[in-house]
Amino acid sequence: MTNTAENARGFRVHARHIDGHHARLLHEASFEAAAVAYLEHLDVQAPAGDAQDISVIVHEVGTGHERCFKVDLGSGATTPCA
């Protein structure tokens, strides 16, 4: 976790191509930070044919809000899923 405890929120995160029951609970300051942290700490491989980026579903536990991000595996840059 890269943020202080008072800034962190709970997020349930999983790769879009992996079933939701493989999600991890992370505490980060934002949806984007949770998406990147998920990929940094786990050995998640991109689906076949999509070697440069991976889509990640981020669910905020406290509010129920959910977002999808495409994360560039080389740079860590995040963009909303199309």
N, C-alpha and C. Protein backbone atom coordinates (compact mmCIF):
# COMPACT_ATOMS: atom_id res chain seq x y z
N MET A 1 0.85 -1.17 0.00
CA MET A 1 0.00 0.00 0.00
C MET A 1 0.90 1.23 0.00
N THR A 2 0.64 2.13 -0.91
CA THR A 2 1.50 3.29 -1.08
C THR A 2 0.96 4.55 -0.43
N ASN A 3 -0.17 4.49 0.24
CA ASN A 3 -0.81 5.66 0.82
C ASN A 3 -0.97 5.49 2.31
N THR A 4 -1.11 6.63 3.00
CA THR A 4 -1.34 6.56 4.43
C THR A 4 -2.72 5.99 4.70
N ALA A 5 -2.90 5.45 5.87
CA ALA A 5 -4.16 4.76 6.21
C ALA A 5 -5.37 5.69 6.11
N GLU A 6 -5.23 6.95 6.46
CA GLU A 6 -6.40 7.83 6.43
C GLU A 6 -6.85 8.17 5.01
N ASN A 7 -5.99 8.03 4.01
CA ASN A 7 -6.37 8.30 2.62
C ASN A 7 -6.86 7.06 1.89
N ALA A 8 -6.59 5.90 2.44
CA ALA A 8 -6.89 4.64 1.75
C ALA A 8 -8.37 4.27 1.87
N ARG A 9 -8.87 3.68 0.78
CA ARG A 9 -10.23 3.14 0.73
C ARG A 9 -10.12 1.69 0.27
N GLY A 10 -11.11 0.89 0.59
CA GLY A 10 -11.10 -0.51 0.20
C GLY A 10 -11.60 -0.70 -1.22
N PHE A 11 -10.85 -1.46 -2.02
CA PHE A 11 -11.22 -1.78 -3.40
C PHE A 11 -11.07 -3.28 -3.62
N ARG A 12 -12.03 -3.84 -4.32
CA ARG A 12 -11.98 -5.24 -4.75
C ARG A 12 -11.62 -5.19 -6.23
N VAL A 13 -10.50 -5.80 -6.61
CA VAL A 13 -9.95 -5.64 -7.96
C VAL A 13 -9.68 -7.00 -8.59
N HIS A 14 -10.02 -7.13 -9.88
CA HIS A 14 -9.65 -8.33 -10.63
C HIS A 14 -9.49 -7.99 -12.09
N ALA A 15 -8.68 -8.80 -12.77
CA ALA A 15 -8.49 -8.63 -14.21
C ALA A 15 -9.80 -9.00 -14.91
N ARG A 16 -10.14 -8.25 -15.93
CA ARG A 16 -11.42 -8.44 -16.63
C ARG A 16 -11.56 -9.84 -17.21
N HIS A 17 -10.47 -10.43 -17.67
CA HIS A 17 -10.52 -11.74 -18.31
C HIS A 17 -10.46 -12.89 -17.30
N ILE A 18 -10.41 -12.55 -16.01
CA ILE A 18 -10.37 -13.56 -14.94
C ILE A 18 -11.66 -13.45 -14.14
N ASP A 19 -12.24 -14.57 -13.73
CA ASP A 19 -13.47 -14.56 -12.95
C ASP A 19 -13.33 -13.69 -11.70
N GLY A 20 -14.42 -13.03 -11.33
CA GLY A 20 -14.44 -12.14 -10.18
C GLY A 20 -14.08 -12.78 -8.86
N HIS A 21 -14.26 -14.09 -8.75
CA HIS A 21 -13.92 -14.73 -7.47
C HIS A 21 -12.41 -14.77 -7.23
N HIS A 22 -11.62 -14.35 -8.22
CA HIS A 22 -10.16 -14.26 -8.06
C HIS A 22 -9.74 -12.84 -7.69
N ALA A 23 -10.68 -12.01 -7.29
CA ALA A 23 -10.38 -10.62 -6.95
C ALA A 23 -9.54 -10.54 -5.68
N ARG A 24 -8.86 -9.40 -5.54
CA ARG A 24 -8.06 -9.12 -4.35
C ARG A 24 -8.59 -7.85 -3.70
N LEU A 25 -8.56 -7.81 -2.38
CA LEU A 25 -8.94 -6.61 -1.65
C LEU A 25 -7.70 -5.78 -1.41
N LEU A 26 -7.74 -4.53 -1.87
CA LEU A 26 -6.61 -3.61 -1.71
C LEU A 26 -7.08 -2.33 -1.06
N HIS A 27 -6.18 -1.62 -0.41
CA HIS A 27 -6.48 -0.33 0.19
C HIS A 27 -5.59 0.71 -0.47
N GLU A 28 -6.20 1.58 -1.23
CA GLU A 28 -5.49 2.63 -1.97
C GLU A 28 -6.30 3.92 -1.92
N ALA A 29 -5.72 5.00 -2.43
CA ALA A 29 -6.37 6.31 -2.38
C ALA A 29 -7.35 6.54 -3.53
N SER A 30 -7.22 5.78 -4.62
CA SER A 30 -8.09 6.01 -5.79
C SER A 30 -8.31 4.73 -6.56
N PHE A 31 -9.30 4.77 -7.45
CA PHE A 31 -9.57 3.64 -8.34
C PHE A 31 -8.33 3.30 -9.17
N GLU A 32 -7.71 4.34 -9.74
CA GLU A 32 -6.55 4.15 -10.60
C GLU A 32 -5.39 3.52 -9.83
N ALA A 33 -5.14 4.01 -8.62
CA ALA A 33 -4.05 3.47 -7.80
C ALA A 33 -4.31 2.00 -7.46
N ALA A 34 -5.57 1.65 -7.21
CA ALA A 34 -5.90 0.26 -6.91
C ALA A 34 -5.66 -0.63 -8.12
N ALA A 35 -5.99 -0.14 -9.32
CA ALA A 35 -5.77 -0.92 -10.54
C ALA A 35 -4.28 -1.21 -10.75
N VAL A 36 -3.46 -0.19 -10.60
CA VAL A 36 -2.01 -0.36 -10.79
C VAL A 36 -1.43 -1.23 -9.69
N ALA A 37 -1.84 -1.02 -8.44
CA ALA A 37 -1.33 -1.83 -7.33
C ALA A 37 -1.65 -3.30 -7.52
N TYR A 38 -2.84 -3.59 -8.01
CA TYR A 38 -3.23 -4.98 -8.27
C TYR A 38 -2.24 -5.65 -9.23
N LEU A 39 -1.91 -4.96 -10.30
CA LEU A 39 -1.01 -5.53 -11.29
C LEU A 39 0.44 -5.57 -10.82
N GLU A 40 0.83 -4.61 -9.98
CA GLU A 40 2.21 -4.59 -9.46
C GLU A 40 2.48 -5.75 -8.50
N HIS A 41 1.48 -6.13 -7.73
CA HIS A 41 1.70 -7.12 -6.67
C HIS A 41 1.32 -8.54 -7.05
N LEU A 42 0.71 -8.71 -8.21
CA LEU A 42 0.31 -10.05 -8.63
C LEU A 42 0.92 -10.37 -9.97
N ASP A 43 1.14 -11.63 -10.21
CA ASP A 43 1.68 -12.08 -11.48
C ASP A 43 0.53 -12.34 -12.43
N VAL A 44 -0.08 -11.27 -12.94
CA VAL A 44 -1.22 -11.38 -13.84
C VAL A 44 -0.72 -11.22 -15.27
N GLN A 45 -1.09 -12.16 -16.11
CA GLN A 45 -0.70 -12.12 -17.51
C GLN A 45 -1.84 -11.56 -18.35
N ALA A 46 -1.50 -10.79 -19.37
CA ALA A 46 -2.50 -10.26 -20.29
C ALA A 46 -3.10 -11.42 -21.09
N PRO A 47 -4.36 -11.29 -21.50
CA PRO A 47 -4.96 -12.34 -22.33
C PRO A 47 -4.21 -12.44 -23.66
N ALA A 48 -4.27 -13.61 -24.26
CA ALA A 48 -3.58 -13.85 -25.54
C ALA A 48 -3.96 -12.80 -26.57
N GLY A 49 -2.96 -12.32 -27.30
CA GLY A 49 -3.21 -11.35 -28.36
C GLY A 49 -3.29 -9.92 -27.87
N ASP A 50 -3.12 -9.68 -26.58
CA ASP A 50 -3.23 -8.33 -26.02
C ASP A 50 -2.02 -8.09 -25.11
N ALA A 51 -0.83 -8.16 -25.69
CA ALA A 51 0.40 -8.16 -24.91
C ALA A 51 0.76 -6.83 -24.26
N GLN A 52 0.21 -5.72 -24.71
CA GLN A 52 0.60 -4.42 -24.19
C GLN A 52 -0.22 -3.92 -23.02
N ASP A 53 -1.46 -4.33 -22.92
CA ASP A 53 -2.29 -3.82 -21.83
C ASP A 53 -3.28 -4.87 -21.35
N ILE A 54 -3.88 -4.56 -20.20
CA ILE A 54 -4.82 -5.48 -19.58
C ILE A 54 -5.96 -4.66 -18.97
N SER A 55 -7.16 -5.16 -19.03
CA SER A 55 -8.31 -4.47 -18.44
C SER A 55 -8.56 -5.00 -17.03
N VAL A 56 -8.80 -4.07 -16.12
CA VAL A 56 -8.96 -4.39 -14.71
C VAL A 56 -10.27 -3.78 -14.20
N ILE A 57 -11.07 -4.58 -13.50
CA ILE A 57 -12.31 -4.11 -12.88
C ILE A 57 -12.01 -3.73 -11.44
N VAL A 58 -12.36 -2.50 -11.06
CA VAL A 58 -12.12 -1.99 -9.71
C VAL A 58 -13.46 -1.64 -9.08
N HIS A 59 -13.76 -2.29 -7.97
CA HIS A 59 -15.03 -2.10 -7.25
C HIS A 59 -14.72 -1.48 -5.90
N GLU A 60 -15.25 -0.28 -5.63
CA GLU A 60 -15.04 0.34 -4.33
C GLU A 60 -15.99 -0.30 -3.31
N VAL A 61 -15.43 -0.90 -2.29
CA VAL A 61 -16.21 -1.66 -1.32
C VAL A 61 -17.19 -0.77 -0.58
N GLY A 62 -16.78 0.40 -0.15
CA GLY A 62 -17.61 1.26 0.67
C GLY A 62 -18.82 1.86 -0.04
N THR A 63 -18.69 2.13 -1.34
CA THR A 63 -19.77 2.79 -2.07
C THR A 63 -20.48 1.90 -3.08
N GLY A 64 -19.82 0.82 -3.49
CA GLY A 64 -20.38 -0.05 -4.52
C GLY A 64 -20.10 0.43 -5.94
N HIS A 65 -19.43 1.58 -6.08
CA HIS A 65 -19.10 2.07 -7.41
C HIS A 65 -18.05 1.15 -8.06
N GLU A 66 -18.19 1.00 -9.36
CA GLU A 66 -17.29 0.11 -10.10
C GLU A 66 -16.79 0.81 -11.35
N ARG A 67 -15.52 0.64 -11.65
CA ARG A 67 -14.92 1.21 -12.85
C ARG A 67 -14.03 0.17 -13.51
N CYS A 68 -13.85 0.33 -14.80
CA CYS A 68 -12.94 -0.54 -15.55
C CYS A 68 -11.83 0.33 -16.12
N PHE A 69 -10.60 -0.16 -16.01
CA PHE A 69 -9.44 0.55 -16.54
C PHE A 69 -8.62 -0.37 -17.42
N LYS A 70 -8.08 0.19 -18.47
CA LYS A 70 -7.09 -0.49 -19.28
C LYS A 70 -5.74 0.02 -18.79
N VAL A 71 -4.87 -0.90 -18.38
CA VAL A 71 -3.57 -0.53 -17.83
C VAL A 71 -2.48 -0.99 -18.79
N ASP A 72 -1.61 -0.06 -19.17
CA ASP A 72 -0.45 -0.37 -20.00
C ASP A 72 0.56 -1.09 -19.11
N LEU A 73 0.88 -2.33 -19.44
CA LEU A 73 1.77 -3.13 -18.61
C LEU A 73 3.20 -2.60 -18.58
N GLY A 74 3.59 -1.84 -19.60
CA GLY A 74 4.94 -1.27 -19.62
C GLY A 74 5.08 -0.02 -18.79
N SER A 75 4.12 0.89 -18.91
CA SER A 75 4.26 2.20 -18.25
C SER A 75 3.41 2.33 -17.00
N GLY A 76 2.36 1.52 -16.85
CA GLY A 76 1.45 1.66 -15.72
C GLY A 76 0.38 2.71 -15.94
N ALA A 77 0.36 3.32 -17.11
CA ALA A 77 -0.66 4.33 -17.43
C ALA A 77 -2.03 3.69 -17.49
N THR A 78 -3.03 4.39 -16.92
CA THR A 78 -4.39 3.87 -16.92
C THR A 78 -5.30 4.76 -17.76
N THR A 79 -6.24 4.12 -18.46
CA THR A 79 -7.29 4.82 -19.20
C THR A 79 -8.58 4.06 -18.97
N PRO A 80 -9.72 4.76 -19.00
CA PRO A 80 -11.00 4.06 -18.84
C PRO A 80 -11.22 3.05 -19.98
N CYS A 81 -11.84 1.93 -19.66
CA CYS A 81 -12.19 0.94 -20.69
C CYS A 81 -13.20 1.56 -21.65
N ALA A 82 -13.16 1.10 -22.87
CA ALA A 82 -14.11 1.59 -23.89
C ALA A 82 -15.46 0.94 -23.72
